[in-house]
Amino acid sequence: AAIFSNKKLKIVGTGSLNVTSTYNNGVASDSHVEIKNGAISVTAPNNCVKAHNSVVLGDADDAGSFILKSTGSTGAGVRVDKVEAVTTPVYGLTTTDDDINGIELKTGAYEITAIGKGLSSEAYLYMEGGNGTITSTGSHGIKAELDLQVDGGSFTVKATAGDCFHSSTNNVIC
């Protein structure tokens, strides 16, 4: 990845960050990624933002702007790729709770475009507020292996070759 951490990776601040990866992932961690506040733009041929356990984007108090563009057919805008022996869903994440699995989108402005999946979690996926577009031109728009929960926000989700919202084994809750 252009930016990588073996441990938790936090990107916080009111500035702007532009990441362009020409090889694999844009921003990645072997455990957790948390990005909030500022204006973040990531372009990558694989996953724009990827972690094994959890990715949390946005913040209830100070939103942020996220432009994520995955240009490869197997990549995703945001990806969590492992399910550990953790049973705690991502919902209700606090800054001290790292024992979660999944993706959480909080308040923020999102423009996520991918040839692969827009959002892809092998665990839970929770959307709490926020606004924008999530577009997939080759797969599902939003895919969770476990519960997929939408709790507010205003999104346009487009998927030309799969479901807009897809949960493989559990519930889709809006």
Protein backbone atom coordinates (compact mmCIF):
# COMPACT_ATOMS: atom_id res chain seq x y z
CA ALA A 1 0.00 0.00 0.00
CA ALA A 2 1.06 3.58 -0.46
CA ILE A 3 0.37 4.08 3.28
CA PHE A 4 0.59 0.92 5.42
CA SER A 5 0.69 -0.05 9.10
CA ASN A 6 1.09 -3.41 10.81
CA LYS A 7 -0.98 -2.01 13.70
CA LYS A 8 -3.92 0.42 13.91
CA LEU A 9 -3.65 3.25 11.38
CA LYS A 10 -5.37 6.55 12.22
CA ILE A 11 -5.57 9.51 9.86
CA VAL A 12 -7.12 12.46 11.67
CA GLY A 13 -7.01 16.17 10.97
CA THR A 14 -8.60 19.04 9.14
CA GLY A 15 -6.14 19.15 6.23
CA SER A 16 -6.24 17.27 2.97
CA LEU A 17 -4.50 14.06 1.90
CA ASN A 18 -4.24 12.78 -1.66
CA VAL A 19 -3.00 9.20 -2.08
CA THR A 20 -2.30 7.60 -5.46
CA SER A 21 -1.08 4.02 -5.55
CA THR A 22 0.11 2.54 -8.82
CA TYR A 23 0.68 -0.98 -7.55
CA ASN A 24 -1.84 -2.37 -5.01
CA ASN A 25 -3.80 -0.76 -2.15
CA GLY A 26 -3.96 2.92 -1.27
CA VAL A 27 -4.24 2.95 2.55
CA ALA A 28 -4.02 -0.34 4.47
CA SER A 29 -3.47 -1.95 7.87
CA ASP A 30 -3.06 -5.47 9.20
CA SER A 31 -5.64 -4.60 11.87
CA HIS A 32 -7.71 -1.36 11.90
CA VAL A 33 -7.98 1.82 9.80
CA GLU A 34 -9.71 4.92 11.13
CA ILE A 35 -9.96 8.07 8.99
CA LYS A 36 -11.93 11.16 9.97
CA ASN A 37 -12.14 14.91 9.59
CA GLY A 38 -10.15 16.34 6.59
CA ALA A 39 -10.50 15.82 2.88
CA ILE A 40 -9.19 12.41 1.81
CA SER A 41 -8.74 11.29 -1.80
CA VAL A 42 -7.42 7.79 -2.61
CA THR A 43 -6.95 6.19 -6.03
CA ALA A 44 -5.62 2.62 -6.25
CA PRO A 45 -5.67 -0.32 -8.66
CA ASN A 46 -6.80 -2.66 -5.87
CA ASN A 47 -8.53 -1.50 -2.65
CA CYS A 48 -8.54 2.19 -1.75
CA VAL A 49 -8.83 1.59 2.02
CA LYS A 50 -8.26 -1.94 3.37
CA ALA A 51 -7.85 -3.58 6.77
CA HIS A 52 -8.08 -7.10 8.13
CA ASN A 53 -10.40 -6.28 11.07
CA SER A 54 -12.13 -2.91 10.70
CA VAL A 55 -12.35 0.33 8.75
CA VAL A 56 -14.11 3.34 10.27
CA LEU A 57 -14.59 6.40 8.06
CA GLY A 58 -16.07 9.71 9.18
CA ASP A 59 -17.06 10.94 12.60
CA ALA A 60 -20.35 11.87 14.26
CA ASP A 61 -19.02 15.29 15.30
CA ASP A 62 -16.67 16.38 12.51
CA ALA A 63 -17.49 14.75 9.18
CA GLY A 64 -14.87 14.87 6.47
CA SER A 65 -14.82 14.28 2.75
CA PHE A 66 -13.86 10.95 1.13
CA ILE A 67 -13.20 10.44 -2.57
CA LEU A 68 -12.20 6.81 -3.19
CA LYS A 69 -11.58 5.35 -6.64
CA SER A 70 -10.56 1.71 -7.17
CA THR A 71 -9.54 1.06 -10.77
CA GLY A 72 -8.97 -2.72 -10.68
CA SER A 73 -11.66 -5.33 -11.30
CA THR A 74 -11.07 -7.14 -7.99
CA GLY A 75 -10.53 -4.07 -5.83
CA ALA A 76 -13.03 -2.24 -3.63
CA GLY A 77 -13.44 1.31 -2.44
CA VAL A 78 -13.33 0.03 1.17
CA ARG A 79 -12.48 -3.57 2.13
CA VAL A 80 -12.32 -5.61 5.35
CA ASP A 81 -11.03 -9.04 4.43
CA LYS A 82 -10.85 -11.22 7.53
CA VAL A 83 -13.25 -12.44 10.17
CA GLU A 84 -11.41 -13.10 13.39
CA ALA A 85 -12.92 -14.86 16.42
CA VAL A 86 -14.50 -11.53 17.31
CA THR A 87 -18.26 -11.46 17.79
CA THR A 88 -18.70 -7.71 18.36
CA PRO A 89 -20.24 -5.98 15.33
CA VAL A 90 -18.79 -2.67 14.26
CA TYR A 91 -21.91 -0.68 15.28
CA GLY A 92 -21.47 1.78 18.12
CA LEU A 93 -17.69 1.88 17.84
CA THR A 94 -15.98 3.94 20.51
CA THR A 95 -12.42 5.19 20.25
CA THR A 96 -11.30 2.58 22.79
CA ASP A 97 -13.07 -0.40 21.22
CA ASP A 98 -10.76 -2.14 18.75
CA ASP A 99 -12.38 -5.54 19.23
CA ILE A 100 -14.68 -5.27 16.21
CA ASN A 101 -15.00 -6.69 12.70
CA GLY A 102 -16.34 -4.76 9.77
CA ILE A 103 -16.81 -1.42 8.06
CA GLU A 104 -18.49 1.63 9.57
CA LEU A 105 -19.34 4.76 7.59
CA LYS A 106 -20.21 7.69 9.82
CA THR A 107 -21.20 11.24 8.97
CA GLY A 108 -19.19 12.52 6.02
CA ALA A 109 -19.39 13.23 2.31
CA TYR A 110 -18.57 10.15 0.22
CA GLU A 111 -17.82 9.56 -3.45
CA ILE A 112 -16.80 5.91 -3.82
CA THR A 113 -16.26 4.38 -7.26
CA ALA A 114 -15.03 0.87 -8.00
CA ILE A 115 -14.96 -1.66 -10.78
CA GLY A 116 -15.15 -4.29 -8.03
CA LYS A 117 -17.34 -3.77 -4.95
CA GLY A 118 -17.93 -0.26 -3.61
CA LEU A 119 -17.86 -1.44 0.04
CA SER A 120 -16.89 -5.04 0.84
CA SER A 121 -16.80 -6.58 4.33
CA GLU A 122 -16.21 -10.21 5.20
CA ALA A 123 -17.84 -9.32 8.55
CA TYR A 124 -20.37 -6.57 9.43
CA LEU A 125 -21.13 -3.32 7.62
CA TYR A 126 -22.79 -0.32 9.26
CA MET A 127 -23.71 3.03 7.71
CA GLU A 128 -24.60 5.73 10.23
CA GLY A 129 -25.33 9.03 8.54
CA GLY A 130 -23.30 10.51 5.73
CA ASN A 131 -24.19 11.32 2.15
CA GLY A 132 -22.91 10.74 -1.35
CA THR A 133 -22.63 8.10 -4.04
CA ILE A 134 -21.32 4.54 -4.07
CA THR A 135 -20.89 3.08 -7.55
CA SER A 136 -19.74 -0.33 -8.74
CA THR A 137 -19.44 -1.03 -12.44
CA GLY A 138 -18.56 -4.71 -12.07
CA SER A 139 -19.98 -6.12 -8.82
CA HIS A 140 -22.13 -5.35 -5.76
CA GLY A 141 -22.41 -1.75 -4.57
CA ILE A 142 -22.33 -2.64 -0.85
CA LYS A 143 -21.59 -6.20 0.29
CA ALA A 144 -21.34 -7.66 3.80
CA GLU A 145 -20.83 -11.28 4.71
CA LEU A 146 -22.75 -10.74 7.98
CA ASP A 147 -25.28 -8.00 8.96
CA LEU A 148 -25.53 -4.95 6.73
CA GLN A 149 -27.21 -2.08 8.59
CA VAL A 150 -28.13 1.37 7.25
CA ASP A 151 -29.08 3.83 9.99
CA GLY A 152 -29.65 7.21 8.37
CA GLY A 153 -27.77 9.13 5.73
CA SER A 154 -28.53 9.96 2.13
CA PHE A 155 -26.77 7.77 -0.45
CA THR A 156 -27.21 6.89 -4.08
CA VAL A 157 -25.95 3.33 -4.60
CA LYS A 158 -25.42 2.04 -8.14
CA ALA A 159 -24.33 -1.47 -9.14
CA THR A 160 -24.38 -2.42 -12.80
CA ALA A 161 -23.45 -6.11 -12.37
CA GLY A 162 -24.76 -7.06 -8.92
CA ASP A 163 -26.96 -6.06 -6.01
CA CYS A 164 -26.88 -2.53 -4.61
CA PHE A 165 -27.11 -3.95 -1.04
CA HIS A 166 -26.03 -7.56 -0.44
CA SER A 167 -25.61 -9.64 2.73
CA SER A 168 -24.35 -13.15 2.07
CA THR A 169 -25.42 -14.87 5.30
CA ASN A 170 -27.31 -12.48 7.59
CA ASN A 171 -29.65 -9.49 7.57
CA VAL A 172 -30.00 -6.26 5.62
CA ILE A 173 -31.49 -3.72 8.06
CA CYS A 174 -32.53 -0.21 7.04
